[in-house]
């Protein structure tokens, strides 16, 4: 039987891959049958996905797939741009070889990812490896939610690979700066990386049919 974490991962994959359209009801009984589990792990998984911004709770309706909004993309990236340098700075002095090795492993996995969803998740694992030493757990949880929000739009727009080569090069440069202990350089690379990703995604969404009737 799937536990709540595995149920959350399966529902996350389905929502981010577009199997459940924006605003679709997520009824616990149906999901439990769909996944072959009891309602308890489904209920817990929906709570997790609500915190990640993928599920919304609507009065008199219950859980639904969170609506799509171009403003949500812009907000998510504005918050990432503001908060990720804070996370990196606060973790920098505590970065271990294990953290740096995990980031290198994630970067390698990212290059070998065969689906948009897997690419997006390894991208988060790379960033998480550099931030996980932060003494601020709520900051880390917030960044995970922001990444999931941004990744939903990357996958939805079929745009995960538009900057894949440039993103990989920026990740390598960021990792090298962290390994060398150069905080200012690492923060500068991270800031440029996030701005470039935000500009690419927003421009792409505005220029495609996804923004015609599906994004507010």
Protein backbone atom coordinates (compact mmCIF):
# COMPACT_ATOMS: atom_id res chain seq x y z
CA UNK A 1 0.00 0.00 0.00
CA UNK A 2 1.25 3.45 -0.87
CA UNK A 3 2.02 5.75 2.04
CA UNK A 4 1.12 9.45 2.01
CA UNK A 5 4.54 10.52 0.67
CA UNK A 6 4.28 8.18 -2.30
CA UNK A 7 0.65 9.18 -2.90
CA UNK A 8 1.73 12.83 -2.88
CA UNK A 9 4.50 12.08 -5.37
CA UNK A 10 2.12 10.29 -7.74
CA UNK A 11 -0.50 13.05 -7.56
CA UNK A 12 2.20 15.69 -7.93
CA UNK A 13 3.45 14.00 -11.07
CA UNK A 14 -0.09 13.76 -12.50
CA UNK A 15 -0.99 17.39 -11.70
CA UNK A 16 2.27 18.80 -13.00
CA UNK A 17 2.05 16.68 -16.15
CA UNK A 18 -1.47 17.96 -16.91
CA UNK A 19 -3.38 14.74 -16.24
CA UNK A 20 -5.66 16.75 -13.94
CA UNK A 21 -6.77 20.07 -15.50
CA UNK A 22 -6.82 23.34 -13.64
CA UNK A 23 -9.77 23.51 -11.25
CA UNK A 24 -10.55 19.78 -11.46
CA UNK A 25 -12.05 18.39 -8.24
CA UNK A 26 -9.83 16.03 -6.26
CA UNK A 27 -12.28 13.83 -4.37
CA UNK A 28 -10.67 11.65 -1.77
CA UNK A 29 -12.86 8.64 -2.51
CA UNK A 30 -12.06 8.73 -6.23
CA UNK A 31 -8.34 9.24 -5.65
CA UNK A 32 -8.24 6.42 -3.14
CA UNK A 33 -9.77 4.05 -5.71
CA UNK A 34 -7.53 5.43 -8.47
CA UNK A 35 -4.38 4.75 -6.44
CA UNK A 36 -5.58 1.67 -4.61
CA UNK A 37 -5.17 3.13 -1.14
CA UNK A 38 -7.30 4.20 1.79
CA UNK A 39 -8.51 7.78 2.19
CA UNK A 40 -6.02 8.57 4.98
CA UNK A 41 -2.85 8.79 2.84
CA UNK A 42 -4.86 10.64 0.18
CA UNK A 43 -6.00 13.22 2.73
CA UNK A 44 -2.45 13.67 4.00
CA UNK A 45 -1.08 13.93 0.46
CA UNK A 46 -3.58 16.65 -0.46
CA UNK A 47 -2.44 18.65 2.57
CA UNK A 48 1.16 18.38 1.35
CA UNK A 49 0.23 19.44 -2.18
CA UNK A 50 -1.82 22.34 -0.86
CA UNK A 51 1.29 23.62 0.94
CA UNK A 52 3.17 23.32 -2.37
CA UNK A 53 0.57 25.40 -4.19
CA UNK A 54 -0.58 22.57 -6.46
CA UNK A 55 -3.91 22.02 -4.69
CA UNK A 56 -6.43 24.61 -3.50
CA UNK A 57 -9.21 24.18 -0.97
CA UNK A 58 -12.46 25.76 -2.19
CA UNK A 59 -15.41 26.35 0.18
CA UNK A 60 -18.27 23.90 -0.43
CA UNK A 61 -16.17 22.07 -3.07
CA UNK A 62 -13.17 20.75 -1.23
CA UNK A 63 -9.81 20.09 -2.88
CA UNK A 64 -9.28 21.11 -6.51
CA UNK A 65 -6.27 21.42 -8.76
CA UNK A 66 -4.92 24.93 -8.19
CA UNK A 67 -5.90 27.37 -10.96
CA UNK A 68 -3.27 28.47 -13.46
CA UNK A 69 -2.18 32.07 -13.46
CA UNK A 70 0.63 33.96 -15.17
CA UNK A 71 0.71 36.17 -12.08
CA UNK A 72 1.46 33.06 -9.99
CA UNK A 73 4.51 32.32 -12.14
CA UNK A 74 5.79 35.85 -11.77
CA UNK A 75 5.16 35.80 -8.03
CA UNK A 76 6.88 32.44 -7.58
CA UNK A 77 10.00 33.61 -9.37
CA UNK A 78 10.01 36.99 -7.62
CA UNK A 79 10.02 35.12 -4.31
CA UNK A 80 12.68 32.68 -5.48
CA UNK A 81 14.89 35.57 -6.60
CA UNK A 82 14.48 37.22 -3.20
CA UNK A 83 14.79 34.11 -1.02
CA UNK A 84 17.22 31.72 -2.65
CA UNK A 85 20.25 33.98 -2.14
CA UNK A 86 19.22 34.19 1.54
CA UNK A 87 19.14 30.40 1.72
CA UNK A 88 22.51 30.06 0.01
CA UNK A 89 24.16 32.67 2.22
CA UNK A 90 22.75 31.12 5.39
CA UNK A 91 23.90 27.63 4.37
CA UNK A 92 27.23 28.53 2.80
CA UNK A 93 29.54 28.21 5.81
CA UNK A 94 27.98 24.86 6.68
CA UNK A 95 28.16 23.31 3.21
CA UNK A 96 29.75 19.89 3.48
CA UNK A 97 31.39 17.68 0.89
CA UNK A 98 28.26 15.57 1.18
CA UNK A 99 26.10 18.55 0.21
CA UNK A 100 28.35 19.40 -2.72
CA UNK A 101 28.47 15.77 -3.80
CA UNK A 102 24.67 15.57 -3.69
CA UNK A 103 24.48 18.69 -5.88
CA UNK A 104 26.92 17.14 -8.37
CA UNK A 105 24.88 13.91 -8.42
CA UNK A 106 21.66 15.86 -9.02
CA UNK A 107 23.26 17.78 -11.87
CA UNK A 108 24.32 14.51 -13.49
CA UNK A 109 20.82 13.06 -13.03
CA UNK A 110 19.32 16.23 -14.47
CA UNK A 111 21.30 15.75 -17.67
CA UNK A 112 20.08 12.16 -17.96
CA UNK A 113 16.41 12.85 -17.17
CA UNK A 114 14.07 11.37 -19.76
CA UNK A 115 10.87 13.21 -18.81
CA UNK A 116 10.04 16.83 -18.06
CA UNK A 117 8.86 15.87 -14.58
CA UNK A 118 12.09 14.05 -13.74
CA UNK A 119 14.13 16.98 -15.06
CA UNK A 120 12.19 19.39 -12.86
CA UNK A 121 12.60 17.24 -9.75
CA UNK A 122 16.34 16.80 -10.21
CA UNK A 123 16.61 20.56 -10.74
CA UNK A 124 15.06 21.05 -7.29
CA UNK A 125 17.38 18.43 -5.78
CA UNK A 126 20.37 20.37 -7.10
CA UNK A 127 19.23 23.60 -5.48
CA UNK A 128 18.10 21.85 -2.30
CA UNK A 129 21.56 20.30 -1.87
CA UNK A 130 23.10 23.76 -1.70
CA UNK A 131 20.48 25.16 0.68
CA UNK A 132 19.76 22.24 3.00
CA UNK A 133 22.36 23.31 5.57
CA UNK A 134 20.38 26.50 6.25
CA UNK A 135 19.27 26.93 9.86
CA UNK A 136 15.88 28.12 8.57
CA UNK A 137 13.64 25.09 7.91
CA UNK A 138 10.58 27.19 7.04
CA UNK A 139 12.63 28.99 4.38
CA UNK A 140 13.62 25.64 2.88
CA UNK A 141 10.02 24.41 2.90
CA UNK A 142 8.89 27.64 1.25
CA UNK A 143 11.49 27.28 -1.49
CA UNK A 144 10.40 23.70 -2.18
CA UNK A 145 6.83 24.90 -2.67
CA UNK A 146 7.97 27.72 -4.96
CA UNK A 147 10.00 25.29 -7.06
CA UNK A 148 7.00 22.97 -7.44
CA UNK A 149 4.85 25.91 -8.55
CA UNK A 150 7.42 27.05 -11.09
CA UNK A 151 8.02 23.49 -12.29
CA UNK A 152 4.31 22.99 -12.99
CA UNK A 153 4.41 25.83 -15.50
CA UNK A 154 7.72 24.68 -16.98
CA UNK A 155 6.24 21.24 -17.65
CA UNK A 156 2.88 22.59 -18.77
CA UNK A 157 4.59 24.88 -21.28
CA UNK A 158 6.84 22.08 -22.51
CA UNK A 159 9.67 24.48 -21.74
CA UNK A 160 11.86 22.52 -19.34
CA UNK A 161 14.48 22.05 -22.04
CA UNK A 162 14.47 25.56 -23.55
CA UNK A 163 17.37 26.59 -21.32
CA UNK A 164 18.63 23.15 -20.34
CA UNK A 165 22.15 23.60 -21.70
CA UNK A 166 22.51 27.14 -20.36
CA UNK A 167 20.96 26.10 -17.04
CA UNK A 168 23.38 23.18 -16.73
CA UNK A 169 26.33 25.48 -17.39
CA UNK A 170 25.05 27.93 -14.76
CA UNK A 171 24.61 25.09 -12.29
CA UNK A 172 28.19 23.93 -12.92
CA UNK A 173 29.49 27.45 -12.37
CA UNK A 174 27.44 27.80 -9.17
CA UNK A 175 28.71 24.48 -7.86
CA UNK A 176 32.30 25.42 -8.70
CA UNK A 177 31.98 28.72 -6.83
CA UNK A 178 30.55 26.90 -3.81
CA UNK A 179 33.36 24.35 -3.87
CA UNK A 180 35.91 27.16 -4.03
CA UNK A 181 34.28 28.94 -1.09
CA UNK A 182 33.52 32.08 -3.11
CA UNK A 183 30.24 33.26 -1.62
CA UNK A 184 29.85 36.55 -3.51
CA UNK A 185 30.49 34.85 -6.85
CA UNK A 186 28.06 32.04 -6.02
CA UNK A 187 25.29 34.48 -5.09
CA UNK A 188 25.90 36.50 -8.27
CA UNK A 189 25.68 33.37 -10.43
CA UNK A 190 22.53 32.24 -8.64
CA UNK A 191 20.86 35.63 -9.06
CA UNK A 192 21.61 35.73 -12.80
CA UNK A 193 20.46 32.12 -13.17
CA UNK A 194 17.09 32.81 -11.53
CA UNK A 195 16.47 36.00 -13.51
CA UNK A 196 17.26 34.21 -16.79
CA UNK A 197 14.94 31.31 -15.92
CA UNK A 198 12.13 33.69 -14.96
CA UNK A 199 12.48 35.76 -18.13
CA UNK A 200 12.51 32.65 -20.31
CA UNK A 201 9.46 31.06 -18.76
CA UNK A 202 7.28 34.18 -18.60
CA UNK A 203 8.18 35.13 -22.18
CA UNK A 204 7.48 31.60 -23.38
CA UNK A 205 4.11 31.38 -21.65
CA UNK A 206 3.04 34.74 -23.00
CA UNK A 207 3.97 33.74 -26.54
CA UNK A 208 2.29 30.34 -26.66
CA UNK A 209 -1.29 29.20 -26.89
CA UNK A 210 -1.13 28.16 -23.23
CA UNK A 211 -1.73 31.76 -22.31
CA UNK A 212 -4.85 31.87 -24.48
CA UNK A 213 -7.66 30.78 -22.23
CA UNK A 214 -5.65 28.68 -19.79
CA UNK A 215 -3.68 31.33 -17.92
CA UNK A 216 -5.23 34.40 -16.40
